Amino acid sequence: IILQNHFYAVLSRMKNIYRWGLMRNTRRENLSEHSLETAFIAHALCIIGNERLGGDYDACFAATAAMFHDTTEIITGDMPTPIKYYNSEIKTAYKQIEAAAGKTLTDMLPDDFKKDFEKIYSPDENTARIIKAADKLSALIKCIEELNTGNLEFFDAEKTVRRAVEDMHCPEADIFLKEFIPSFSLSLDKQKEKTEND
């Protein structure tokens, strides 16, 4: 007997959850695309760490864990950062809600999946740091994209998020910030021109 399982059908609803809810967006960003971008960046940060800084990251695992890092928002929704961190009581309460949402999701998994997902949802400290940096870099990219359209709603957010990345003192993120982030301000023609000249 094959039992039906709803876990992946529920995950597919990430595309219906939109970020930056308090801000006027020229293009809405859903949770699914943010998670994929965060995975791309986490993978890149691990390569930077391994190849340039003598690290020992599992880039594929970090990318996988990054894909799942916001899945609890399927249940909680995307709570805007200013509200989430408004005071210590709200921050603590949200952490409890997030933990309950995580348990709800993992309880949906088939038993033979649970061991693998325990690792995905509880990465080691260094991988968690990489994912957090990748998450912030993805947010920075969103700010830059909105500013590129002339949407000044994201002017202060861009400065705040950029400072948050710098304040992490994560060497992998610092390298990504200097080497890869400037291209996000360029047009497609300029991006192609630079690539062709390299």
C-alpha atoms as a PDB file:
ATOM      1  CA  ILE A   1       0.000   0.000   0.000  1.00  0.00           C
ATOM      2  CA  ILE A   2       1.396   3.409  -1.002  1.00  0.00           C
ATOM      3  CA  LEU A   3       0.202   6.184   1.300  1.00  0.00           C
ATOM      4  CA  GLN A   4      -0.295   9.653  -0.103  1.00  0.00           C
ATOM      5  CA  ASN A   5       1.942  12.341   1.357  1.00  0.00           C
ATOM      6  CA  HIS A   6       1.283  16.063   1.150  1.00  0.00           C
ATOM      7  CA  PHE A   7       4.743  17.451   2.027  1.00  0.00           C
ATOM      8  CA  TYR A   8       5.882  18.436  -1.482  1.00  0.00           C
ATOM      9  CA  ALA A   9       2.441  19.672  -2.506  1.00  0.00           C
ATOM     10  CA  VAL A  10       2.562  21.986   0.511  1.00  0.00           C
ATOM     11  CA  LEU A  11       6.101  23.112  -0.420  1.00  0.00           C
ATOM     12  CA  SER A  12       4.855  24.057  -3.887  1.00  0.00           C
ATOM     13  CA  ARG A  13       2.754  26.754  -2.216  1.00  0.00           C
ATOM     14  CA  MET A  14       5.928  28.747  -1.517  1.00  0.00           C
ATOM     15  CA  LYS A  15       5.329  30.418  -4.881  1.00  0.00           C
ATOM     16  CA  ASN A  16       2.135  31.923  -3.430  1.00  0.00           C
ATOM     17  CA  ILE A  17       3.907  33.644  -0.517  1.00  0.00           C
ATOM     18  CA  TYR A  18       5.213  37.104  -1.351  1.00  0.00           C
ATOM     19  CA  ARG A  19       8.039  38.899   0.438  1.00  0.00           C
ATOM     20  CA  TRP A  20       8.485  42.588   1.308  1.00  0.00           C
ATOM     21  CA  GLY A  21       4.804  42.916   2.172  1.00  0.00           C
ATOM     22  CA  LEU A  22       5.063  46.379   3.760  1.00  0.00           C
ATOM     23  CA  MET A  23       6.854  47.913   0.789  1.00  0.00           C
ATOM     24  CA  ARG A  24       5.723  48.987  -2.660  1.00  0.00           C
ATOM     25  CA  ASN A  25       7.314  46.610  -5.174  1.00  0.00           C
ATOM     26  CA  THR A  26       7.674  47.130  -8.900  1.00  0.00           C
ATOM     27  CA  ARG A  27       7.939  43.337  -9.139  1.00  0.00           C
ATOM     28  CA  ARG A  28       6.675  40.987  -6.461  1.00  0.00           C
ATOM     29  CA  GLU A  29       9.163  38.396  -5.205  1.00  0.00           C
ATOM     30  CA  ASN A  30       7.799  35.068  -4.031  1.00  0.00           C
ATOM     31  CA  LEU A  31       9.326  32.796  -1.416  1.00  0.00           C
ATOM     32  CA  SER A  32      10.117  30.056  -3.920  1.00  0.00           C
ATOM     33  CA  GLU A  33      12.344  32.229  -6.104  1.00  0.00           C
ATOM     34  CA  HIS A  34      14.013  33.799  -3.062  1.00  0.00           C
ATOM     35  CA  SER A  35      14.855  30.337  -1.732  1.00  0.00           C
ATOM     36  CA  LEU A  36      16.400  29.260  -5.033  1.00  0.00           C
ATOM     37  CA  GLU A  37      18.478  32.440  -5.231  1.00  0.00           C
ATOM     38  CA  THR A  38      19.619  31.942  -1.631  1.00  0.00           C
ATOM     39  CA  ALA A  39      20.673  28.393  -2.579  1.00  0.00           C
ATOM     40  CA  PHE A  40      22.661  29.682  -5.565  1.00  0.00           C
ATOM     41  CA  ILE A  41      24.454  32.193  -3.358  1.00  0.00           C
ATOM     42  CA  ALA A  42      25.097  29.747  -0.492  1.00  0.00           C
ATOM     43  CA  HIS A  43      26.669  27.379  -3.020  1.00  0.00           C
ATOM     44  CA  ALA A  44      28.879  30.208  -4.313  1.00  0.00           C
ATOM     45  CA  LEU A  45      29.911  31.256  -0.789  1.00  0.00           C
ATOM     46  CA  CYS A  46      30.999  27.696  -0.038  1.00  0.00           C
ATOM     47  CA  ILE A  47      33.099  27.566  -3.203  1.00  0.00           C
ATOM     48  CA  ILE A  48      34.698  30.885  -2.245  1.00  0.00           C
ATOM     49  CA  GLY A  49      35.342  29.537   1.240  1.00  0.00           C
ATOM     50  CA  ASN A  50      36.845  26.277  -0.009  1.00  0.00           C
ATOM     51  CA  GLU A  51      38.871  27.519  -2.973  1.00  0.00           C
ATOM     52  CA  ARG A  52      40.063  30.888  -1.711  1.00  0.00           C
ATOM     53  CA  LEU A  53      39.968  30.729   2.081  1.00  0.00           C
ATOM     54  CA  GLY A  54      40.955  27.130   2.859  1.00  0.00           C
ATOM     55  CA  GLY A  55      37.509  26.129   4.076  1.00  0.00           C
ATOM     56  CA  ASP A  56      35.876  22.722   4.109  1.00  0.00           C
ATOM     57  CA  TYR A  57      32.224  23.341   3.232  1.00  0.00           C
ATOM     58  CA  ASP A  58      29.876  20.886   1.587  1.00  0.00           C
ATOM     59  CA  ALA A  59      28.577  23.274  -1.075  1.00  0.00           C
ATOM     60  CA  CYS A  60      25.819  20.932  -2.273  1.00  0.00           C
ATOM     61  CA  PHE A  61      24.506  20.413   1.257  1.00  0.00           C
ATOM     62  CA  ALA A  62      24.577  24.153   1.952  1.00  0.00           C
ATOM     63  CA  ALA A  63      22.623  24.803  -1.239  1.00  0.00           C
ATOM     64  CA  THR A  64      20.058  22.165  -0.277  1.00  0.00           C
ATOM     65  CA  ALA A  65      19.658  23.496   3.260  1.00  0.00           C
ATOM     66  CA  ALA A  66      19.317  27.030   1.838  1.00  0.00           C
ATOM     67  CA  MET A  67      16.485  25.882  -0.446  1.00  0.00           C
ATOM     68  CA  PHE A  68      14.545  24.779   2.627  1.00  0.00           C
ATOM     69  CA  HIS A  69      15.580  27.601   4.995  1.00  0.00           C
ATOM     70  CA  ASP A  70      12.286  29.526   4.778  1.00  0.00           C
ATOM     71  CA  THR A  71       9.817  26.670   4.340  1.00  0.00           C
ATOM     72  CA  THR A  72       8.240  27.418   7.728  1.00  0.00           C
ATOM     73  CA  GLU A  73       6.819  30.567   6.133  1.00  0.00           C
ATOM     74  CA  ILE A  74       4.370  28.321   4.287  1.00  0.00           C
ATOM     75  CA  ILE A  75       2.623  28.175   7.659  1.00  0.00           C
ATOM     76  CA  THR A  76       3.616  31.498   9.253  1.00  0.00           C
ATOM     77  CA  GLY A  77       3.636  33.675   6.150  1.00  0.00           C
ATOM     78  CA  ASP A  78       6.421  36.198   5.579  1.00  0.00           C
ATOM     79  CA  MET A  79       6.535  38.473   8.586  1.00  0.00           C
ATOM     80  CA  PRO A  80       8.268  41.759   7.687  1.00  0.00           C
ATOM     81  CA  THR A  81      11.627  42.211   9.420  1.00  0.00           C
ATOM     82  CA  PRO A  82      10.675  45.487  11.201  1.00  0.00           C
ATOM     83  CA  ILE A  83       7.798  43.653  12.896  1.00  0.00           C
ATOM     84  CA  LYS A  84       9.659  40.400  13.525  1.00  0.00           C
ATOM     85  CA  TYR A  85      12.425  42.226  15.384  1.00  0.00           C
ATOM     86  CA  TYR A  86      10.333  45.089  16.801  1.00  0.00           C
ATOM     87  CA  ASN A  87      11.066  44.036  20.394  1.00  0.00           C
ATOM     88  CA  SER A  88      12.401  41.028  22.290  1.00  0.00           C
ATOM     89  CA  GLU A  89       8.925  39.707  23.145  1.00  0.00           C
ATOM     90  CA  ILE A  90       7.806  39.601  19.512  1.00  0.00           C
ATOM     91  CA  LYS A  91      11.155  38.127  18.449  1.00  0.00           C
ATOM     92  CA  THR A  92      10.878  35.355  21.072  1.00  0.00           C
ATOM     93  CA  ALA A  93       7.239  34.649  20.226  1.00  0.00           C
ATOM     94  CA  TYR A  94       8.041  34.460  16.517  1.00  0.00           C
ATOM     95  CA  LYS A  95      10.888  32.000  17.172  1.00  0.00           C
ATOM     96  CA  GLN A  96       8.406  29.779  19.028  1.00  0.00           C
ATOM     97  CA  ILE A  97       5.886  30.034  16.188  1.00  0.00           C
ATOM     98  CA  GLU A  98       8.644  29.252  13.685  1.00  0.00           C
ATOM     99  CA  ALA A  99       9.693  26.171  15.679  1.00  0.00           C
ATOM    100  CA  ALA A 100       6.086  24.947  15.850  1.00  0.00           C
ATOM    101  CA  ALA A 101       5.718  25.506  12.089  1.00  0.00           C
ATOM    102  CA  GLY A 102       8.921  23.542  11.471  1.00  0.00           C
ATOM    103  CA  LYS A 103       7.628  20.631  13.532  1.00  0.00           C
ATOM    104  CA  THR A 104       4.337  20.694  11.644  1.00  0.00           C
ATOM    105  CA  LEU A 105       6.230  20.370   8.361  1.00  0.00           C
ATOM    106  CA  THR A 106       8.653  17.666   9.481  1.00  0.00           C
ATOM    107  CA  ASP A 107       5.798  15.674  11.008  1.00  0.00           C
ATOM    108  CA  MET A 108       4.333  15.484   7.501  1.00  0.00           C
ATOM    109  CA  LEU A 109       7.419  13.705   6.141  1.00  0.00           C
ATOM    110  CA  PRO A 110       7.468   9.947   5.590  1.00  0.00           C
ATOM    111  CA  ASP A 111       9.491   8.223   8.326  1.00  0.00           C
ATOM    112  CA  ASP A 112      12.278   7.231   5.937  1.00  0.00           C
ATOM    113  CA  PHE A 113      12.795  10.906   4.964  1.00  0.00           C
ATOM    114  CA  LYS A 114      13.067  12.282   8.478  1.00  0.00           C
ATOM    115  CA  LYS A 115      16.712  11.457   9.141  1.00  0.00           C
ATOM    116  CA  ASP A 116      17.854  13.381   6.048  1.00  0.00           C
ATOM    117  CA  PHE A 117      15.626  16.335   6.809  1.00  0.00           C
ATOM    118  CA  GLU A 118      16.870  16.565  10.399  1.00  0.00           C
ATOM    119  CA  LYS A 119      20.261  17.478   8.888  1.00  0.00           C
ATOM    120  CA  ILE A 120      18.746  19.873   6.354  1.00  0.00           C
ATOM    121  CA  TYR A 121      16.755  21.747   9.002  1.00  0.00           C
ATOM    122  CA  SER A 122      19.629  21.732  11.533  1.00  0.00           C
ATOM    123  CA  PRO A 123      22.820  22.541   9.610  1.00  0.00           C
ATOM    124  CA  ASP A 124      26.094  22.904  11.487  1.00  0.00           C
ATOM    125  CA  GLU A 125      27.047  26.347  12.746  1.00  0.00           C
ATOM    126  CA  ASN A 126      29.354  27.224   9.832  1.00  0.00           C
ATOM    127  CA  THR A 127      26.821  26.169   7.195  1.00  0.00           C
ATOM    128  CA  ALA A 128      24.078  28.070   9.028  1.00  0.00           C
ATOM    129  CA  ARG A 129      26.294  31.186   8.960  1.00  0.00           C
ATOM    130  CA  ILE A 130      26.773  30.788   5.196  1.00  0.00           C
ATOM    131  CA  ILE A 131      23.021  30.389   4.646  1.00  0.00           C
ATOM    132  CA  LYS A 132      22.288  33.478   6.739  1.00  0.00           C
ATOM    133  CA  ALA A 133      24.794  35.485   4.700  1.00  0.00           C
ATOM    134  CA  ALA A 134      23.304  34.157   1.454  1.00  0.00           C
ATOM    135  CA  ASP A 135      19.820  35.095   2.668  1.00  0.00           C
ATOM    136  CA  LYS A 136      20.931  38.672   3.315  1.00  0.00           C
ATOM    137  CA  LEU A 137      22.728  38.883  -0.024  1.00  0.00           C
ATOM    138  CA  SER A 138      19.540  37.743  -1.767  1.00  0.00           C
ATOM    139  CA  ALA A 139      17.664  40.523   0.053  1.00  0.00           C
ATOM    140  CA  LEU A 140      20.322  42.990  -1.078  1.00  0.00           C
ATOM    141  CA  ILE A 141      19.883  41.863  -4.684  1.00  0.00           C
ATOM    142  CA  LYS A 142      16.145  42.480  -4.403  1.00  0.00           C
ATOM    143  CA  CYS A 143      16.817  46.008  -3.120  1.00  0.00           C
ATOM    144  CA  ILE A 144      19.227  46.695  -5.991  1.00  0.00           C
ATOM    145  CA  GLU A 145      16.749  45.367  -8.560  1.00  0.00           C
ATOM    146  CA  GLU A 146      14.027  47.642  -7.211  1.00  0.00           C
ATOM    147  CA  LEU A 147      16.352  50.652  -7.175  1.00  0.00           C
ATOM    148  CA  ASN A 148      17.308  49.868 -10.788  1.00  0.00           C
ATOM    149  CA  THR A 149      13.662  50.457 -11.732  1.00  0.00           C
ATOM    150  CA  GLY A 150      13.685  53.826  -9.947  1.00  0.00           C
ATOM    151  CA  ASN A 151      11.736  52.556  -6.935  1.00  0.00           C
ATOM    152  CA  LEU A 152      13.136  54.701  -4.105  1.00  0.00           C
ATOM    153  CA  GLU A 153      10.998  52.773  -1.605  1.00  0.00           C
ATOM    154  CA  PHE A 154      14.028  50.467  -1.340  1.00  0.00           C
ATOM    155  CA  PHE A 155      16.649  53.213  -0.893  1.00  0.00           C
ATOM    156  CA  ASP A 156      16.964  52.900   2.891  1.00  0.00           C
ATOM    157  CA  ALA A 157      16.449  49.123   2.825  1.00  0.00           C
ATOM    158  CA  GLU A 158      19.416  48.715   0.456  1.00  0.00           C
ATOM    159  CA  LYS A 159      21.694  50.613   2.837  1.00  0.00           C
ATOM    160  CA  THR A 160      20.405  48.687   5.867  1.00  0.00           C
ATOM    161  CA  VAL A 161      20.769  45.264   4.247  1.00  0.00           C
ATOM    162  CA  ARG A 162      24.210  46.066   2.821  1.00  0.00           C
ATOM    163  CA  ARG A 163      25.351  47.168   6.292  1.00  0.00           C
ATOM    164  CA  ALA A 164      23.910  43.965   7.780  1.00  0.00           C
ATOM    165  CA  VAL A 165      25.982  41.884   5.342  1.00  0.00           C
ATOM    166  CA  GLU A 166      29.129  43.854   6.158  1.00  0.00           C
ATOM    167  CA  ASP A 167      28.443  43.596   9.906  1.00  0.00           C
ATOM    168  CA  MET A 168      28.404  39.798   9.679  1.00  0.00           C
ATOM    169  CA  HIS A 169      32.177  39.900   9.075  1.00  0.00           C
ATOM    170  CA  CYS A 170      31.788  36.841   6.866  1.00  0.00           C
ATOM    171  CA  PRO A 171      34.811  36.788   4.519  1.00  0.00           C
ATOM    172  CA  GLU A 172      32.969  34.684   1.934  1.00  0.00           C
ATOM    173  CA  ALA A 173      30.109  37.208   1.827  1.00  0.00           C
ATOM    174  CA  ASP A 174      32.560  40.124   1.681  1.00  0.00           C
ATOM    175  CA  ILE A 175      34.172  38.613  -1.426  1.00  0.00           C
ATOM    176  CA  PHE A 176      30.780  37.964  -3.050  1.00  0.00           C
ATOM    177  CA  LEU A 177      29.738  41.523  -2.224  1.00  0.00           C
ATOM    178  CA  LYS A 178      32.788  43.010  -3.961  1.00  0.00           C
ATOM    179  CA  GLU A 179      33.070  40.600  -6.882  1.00  0.00           C
ATOM    180  CA  PHE A 180      29.518  39.663  -7.861  1.00  0.00           C
ATOM    181  CA  ILE A 181      27.063  42.210  -6.442  1.00  0.00           C
ATOM    182  CA  PRO A 182      28.112  45.219  -8.609  1.00  0.00           C
ATOM    183  CA  SER A 183      26.926  43.406 -11.758  1.00  0.00           C
ATOM    184  CA  PHE A 184      23.352  43.434 -10.472  1.00  0.00           C
ATOM    185  CA  SER A 185      23.285  47.197 -11.094  1.00  0.00           C
ATOM    186  CA  LEU A 186      24.175  46.742 -14.772  1.00  0.00           C
ATOM    187  CA  SER A 187      21.904  46.279 -17.754  1.00  0.00           C
ATOM    188  CA  LEU A 188      21.902  42.929 -19.563  1.00  0.00           C
ATOM    189  CA  ASP A 189      23.939  44.472 -22.402  1.00  0.00           C
ATOM    190  CA  LYS A 190      26.568  45.690 -19.940  1.00  0.00           C
ATOM    191  CA  GLN A 191      26.648  42.301 -18.184  1.00  0.00           C
ATOM    192  CA  LYS A 192      27.219  40.557 -21.529  1.00  0.00           C
ATOM    193  CA  GLU A 193      29.846  43.096 -22.563  1.00  0.00           C
ATOM    194  CA  LYS A 194      31.840  42.558 -19.383  1.00  0.00           C
ATOM    195  CA  THR A 195      31.608  38.762 -19.699  1.00  0.00           C
ATOM    196  CA  GLU A 196      32.737  38.858 -23.318  1.00  0.00           C
ATOM    197  CA  ASN A 197      35.719  41.107 -22.494  1.00  0.00           C
ATOM    198  CA  ASP A 198      36.923  38.961 -19.573  1.00  0.00           C
END
